[in-house]
Amino acid sequence: MAKIKKGDQVIVISGRDKGKTGRVLEVLKDSDRLVVEGVQRVTKHTKVGQSQRGARTGGIETVEAPIHVSNVMIVDPETKKGTRVGYREEQVERDGRTKTVRIRVAKRSGKDI
């Protein structure tokens, strides 16, 4: 089970963007990297072409590059600081069956993420 998921609020703890916060846009499991909104922005040169309507495309644009998962921490919902993630197991009853569900918990405050 992944500790950081798409849509989580994270803070960068090392690198050139240290201290910035943003939402996780994409999780790249195979390379242990994340794409975070507003973090690790790089300039990308795209080839000039034409769209169906004849408008020109391409040029220089800034996009978010992937950042390694070890360089970010989830933001605690209560203290708004970085926190580690733990799990709590809970019994949930659905359709007459009991099922064990794992819930992510902030280690700093003990609140659900």
C-alpha atoms as a PDB file:
ATOM      1  CA  MET A   1       0.000   0.000   0.000  1.00  0.00           C
ATOM      2  CA  ALA A   2       1.405   3.371  -1.019  1.00  0.00           C
ATOM      3  CA  LYS A   3       1.920   5.996   1.667  1.00  0.00           C
ATOM      4  CA  ILE A   4       1.527   8.920  -0.749  1.00  0.00           C
ATOM      5  CA  LYS A   5      -1.347   8.975  -3.229  1.00  0.00           C
ATOM      6  CA  LYS A   6      -2.638  11.223  -5.990  1.00  0.00           C
ATOM      7  CA  GLY A   7      -4.355  14.300  -4.540  1.00  0.00           C
ATOM      8  CA  ASP A   8      -2.368  14.365  -1.269  1.00  0.00           C
ATOM      9  CA  GLN A   9      -0.932  17.654  -0.003  1.00  0.00           C
ATOM     10  CA  VAL A  10       2.858  17.301   0.373  1.00  0.00           C
ATOM     11  CA  ILE A  11       5.803  19.475   1.427  1.00  0.00           C
ATOM     12  CA  VAL A  12       9.268  19.251  -0.152  1.00  0.00           C
ATOM     13  CA  ILE A  13      11.910  18.472   2.481  1.00  0.00           C
ATOM     14  CA  SER A  14      15.059  18.565   0.320  1.00  0.00           C
ATOM     15  CA  GLY A  15      16.277  19.874  -3.006  1.00  0.00           C
ATOM     16  CA  ARG A  16      16.033  23.230  -4.757  1.00  0.00           C
ATOM     17  CA  ASP A  17      12.317  23.592  -3.928  1.00  0.00           C
ATOM     18  CA  LYS A  18      12.708  22.858  -0.195  1.00  0.00           C
ATOM     19  CA  GLY A  19       9.779  24.236   1.829  1.00  0.00           C
ATOM     20  CA  LYS A  20       7.284  24.424  -1.048  1.00  0.00           C
ATOM     21  CA  THR A  21       3.949  22.656  -0.774  1.00  0.00           C
ATOM     22  CA  GLY A  22       1.667  21.318  -3.467  1.00  0.00           C
ATOM     23  CA  ARG A  23      -0.805  18.615  -4.496  1.00  0.00           C
ATOM     24  CA  VAL A  24       0.362  15.320  -5.969  1.00  0.00           C
ATOM     25  CA  LEU A  25      -0.724  15.248  -9.630  1.00  0.00           C
ATOM     26  CA  GLU A  26       0.706  11.851 -10.566  1.00  0.00           C
ATOM     27  CA  VAL A  27       2.425   8.893  -8.892  1.00  0.00           C
ATOM     28  CA  LEU A  28       5.053   7.019 -10.914  1.00  0.00           C
ATOM     29  CA  LYS A  29       5.308   3.706  -9.025  1.00  0.00           C
ATOM     30  CA  ASP A  30       7.975   2.066 -11.183  1.00  0.00           C
ATOM     31  CA  SER A  31      10.544   4.833 -10.532  1.00  0.00           C
ATOM     32  CA  ASP A  32       9.402   5.876  -6.997  1.00  0.00           C
ATOM     33  CA  ARG A  33       8.684   9.418  -8.144  1.00  0.00           C
ATOM     34  CA  LEU A  34       5.851  11.944  -7.896  1.00  0.00           C
ATOM     35  CA  VAL A  35       4.725  14.888  -9.996  1.00  0.00           C
ATOM     36  CA  VAL A  36       3.813  17.700  -7.594  1.00  0.00           C
ATOM     37  CA  GLU A  37       1.920  20.852  -8.586  1.00  0.00           C
ATOM     38  CA  GLY A  38       4.233  23.908  -8.677  1.00  0.00           C
ATOM     39  CA  VAL A  39       7.355  21.967  -7.659  1.00  0.00           C
ATOM     40  CA  GLN A  40      10.431  20.977  -9.727  1.00  0.00           C
ATOM     41  CA  ARG A  41       9.409  23.158 -12.682  1.00  0.00           C
ATOM     42  CA  VAL A  42      11.615  22.823 -15.758  1.00  0.00           C
ATOM     43  CA  THR A  43      11.563  24.486 -19.179  1.00  0.00           C
ATOM     44  CA  LYS A  44      10.656  22.174 -22.023  1.00  0.00           C
ATOM     45  CA  HIS A  45      11.195  22.969 -25.685  1.00  0.00           C
ATOM     46  CA  THR A  46       8.476  21.540 -27.918  1.00  0.00           C
ATOM     47  CA  LYS A  47       8.693  21.264 -31.687  1.00  0.00           C
ATOM     48  CA  VAL A  48       6.759  23.856 -33.679  1.00  0.00           C
ATOM     49  CA  GLY A  49       3.793  22.432 -35.565  1.00  0.00           C
ATOM     50  CA  GLN A  50       0.250  23.276 -36.573  1.00  0.00           C
ATOM     51  CA  SER A  51      -3.072  22.207 -35.097  1.00  0.00           C
ATOM     52  CA  GLN A  52      -6.153  21.225 -37.139  1.00  0.00           C
ATOM     53  CA  ARG A  53      -7.359  24.844 -37.252  1.00  0.00           C
ATOM     54  CA  GLY A  54      -4.022  26.195 -38.437  1.00  0.00           C
ATOM     55  CA  ALA A  55      -2.878  27.671 -35.120  1.00  0.00           C
ATOM     56  CA  ARG A  56       0.811  27.352 -34.341  1.00  0.00           C
ATOM     57  CA  THR A  57       1.856  25.056 -31.503  1.00  0.00           C
ATOM     58  CA  GLY A  58       5.182  24.522 -29.790  1.00  0.00           C
ATOM     59  CA  GLY A  59       7.785  26.770 -28.253  1.00  0.00           C
ATOM     60  CA  ILE A  60       9.110  26.988 -24.707  1.00  0.00           C
ATOM     61  CA  GLU A  61       6.848  25.963 -21.831  1.00  0.00           C
ATOM     62  CA  THR A  62       7.412  25.214 -18.141  1.00  0.00           C
ATOM     63  CA  VAL A  63       6.192  21.885 -16.787  1.00  0.00           C
ATOM     64  CA  GLU A  64       6.511  19.967 -13.530  1.00  0.00           C
ATOM     65  CA  ALA A  65       9.182  17.266 -13.553  1.00  0.00           C
ATOM     66  CA  PRO A  66       9.025  14.173 -11.306  1.00  0.00           C
ATOM     67  CA  ILE A  67      10.570  14.401  -7.830  1.00  0.00           C
ATOM     68  CA  HIS A  68      11.716  11.407  -5.781  1.00  0.00           C
ATOM     69  CA  VAL A  69       9.271  10.226  -3.121  1.00  0.00           C
ATOM     70  CA  SER A  70      11.965  10.420  -0.405  1.00  0.00           C
ATOM     71  CA  ASN A  71      12.203  14.197  -0.880  1.00  0.00           C
ATOM     72  CA  VAL A  72       8.600  14.905   0.176  1.00  0.00           C
ATOM     73  CA  MET A  73       6.427  14.438   3.279  1.00  0.00           C
ATOM     74  CA  ILE A  74       2.670  14.455   3.640  1.00  0.00           C
ATOM     75  CA  VAL A  75       1.297  17.613   5.262  1.00  0.00           C
ATOM     76  CA  ASP A  76      -0.451  16.965   8.588  1.00  0.00           C
ATOM     77  CA  PRO A  77      -4.103  18.098   8.333  1.00  0.00           C
ATOM     78  CA  GLU A  78      -4.003  19.614  11.825  1.00  0.00           C
ATOM     79  CA  THR A  79      -0.564  21.233  12.236  1.00  0.00           C
ATOM     80  CA  LYS A  80       0.117  21.985   8.531  1.00  0.00           C
ATOM     81  CA  LYS A  81       3.662  20.593   8.931  1.00  0.00           C
ATOM     82  CA  GLY A  82       5.296  17.507   7.458  1.00  0.00           C
ATOM     83  CA  THR A  83       4.467  14.165   9.047  1.00  0.00           C
ATOM     84  CA  ARG A  84       5.184  10.482   8.681  1.00  0.00           C
ATOM     85  CA  VAL A  85       2.383   8.081   7.804  1.00  0.00           C
ATOM     86  CA  GLY A  86       1.117   5.153   9.849  1.00  0.00           C
ATOM     87  CA  TYR A  87      -1.823   2.805   9.489  1.00  0.00           C
ATOM     88  CA  ARG A  88      -4.786   1.851  11.652  1.00  0.00           C
ATOM     89  CA  GLU A  89      -6.935  -1.174  10.990  1.00  0.00           C
ATOM     90  CA  GLU A  90     -10.679  -0.836  11.373  1.00  0.00           C
ATOM     91  CA  GLN A  91     -13.556  -3.299  11.045  1.00  0.00           C
ATOM     92  CA  VAL A  92     -16.200  -2.082   8.587  1.00  0.00           C
ATOM     93  CA  GLU A  93     -19.505  -3.826   7.922  1.00  0.00           C
ATOM     94  CA  ARG A  94     -20.795  -3.763   4.341  1.00  0.00           C
ATOM     95  CA  ASP A  95     -23.669  -5.854   2.998  1.00  0.00           C
ATOM     96  CA  GLY A  96     -23.722  -7.984   6.140  1.00  0.00           C
ATOM     97  CA  ARG A  97     -19.989  -8.789   5.960  1.00  0.00           C
ATOM     98  CA  THR A  98     -17.226  -7.474   8.169  1.00  0.00           C
ATOM     99  CA  LYS A  99     -14.138  -6.312   6.344  1.00  0.00           C
ATOM    100  CA  THR A 100     -10.801  -5.050   7.664  1.00  0.00           C
ATOM    101  CA  VAL A 101      -9.850  -1.650   6.208  1.00  0.00           C
ATOM    102  CA  ARG A 102      -6.453   0.053   6.605  1.00  0.00           C
ATOM    103  CA  ILE A 103      -6.682   3.814   7.207  1.00  0.00           C
ATOM    104  CA  ARG A 104      -3.713   6.186   6.811  1.00  0.00           C
ATOM    105  CA  VAL A 105      -2.937   8.145   9.988  1.00  0.00           C
ATOM    106  CA  ALA A 106      -0.602  11.129  10.559  1.00  0.00           C
ATOM    107  CA  LYS A 107       2.075  10.173  13.108  1.00  0.00           C
ATOM    108  CA  ARG A 108       2.447  13.782  14.304  1.00  0.00           C
ATOM    109  CA  SER A 109      -1.157  14.386  15.382  1.00  0.00           C
ATOM    110  CA  GLY A 110      -2.883  11.014  15.102  1.00  0.00           C
ATOM    111  CA  LYS A 111      -5.541  12.386  12.709  1.00  0.00           C
ATOM    112  CA  ASP A 112      -6.760  10.521   9.610  1.00  0.00           C
ATOM    113  CA  ILE A 113      -5.302  11.573   6.273  1.00  0.00           C
END
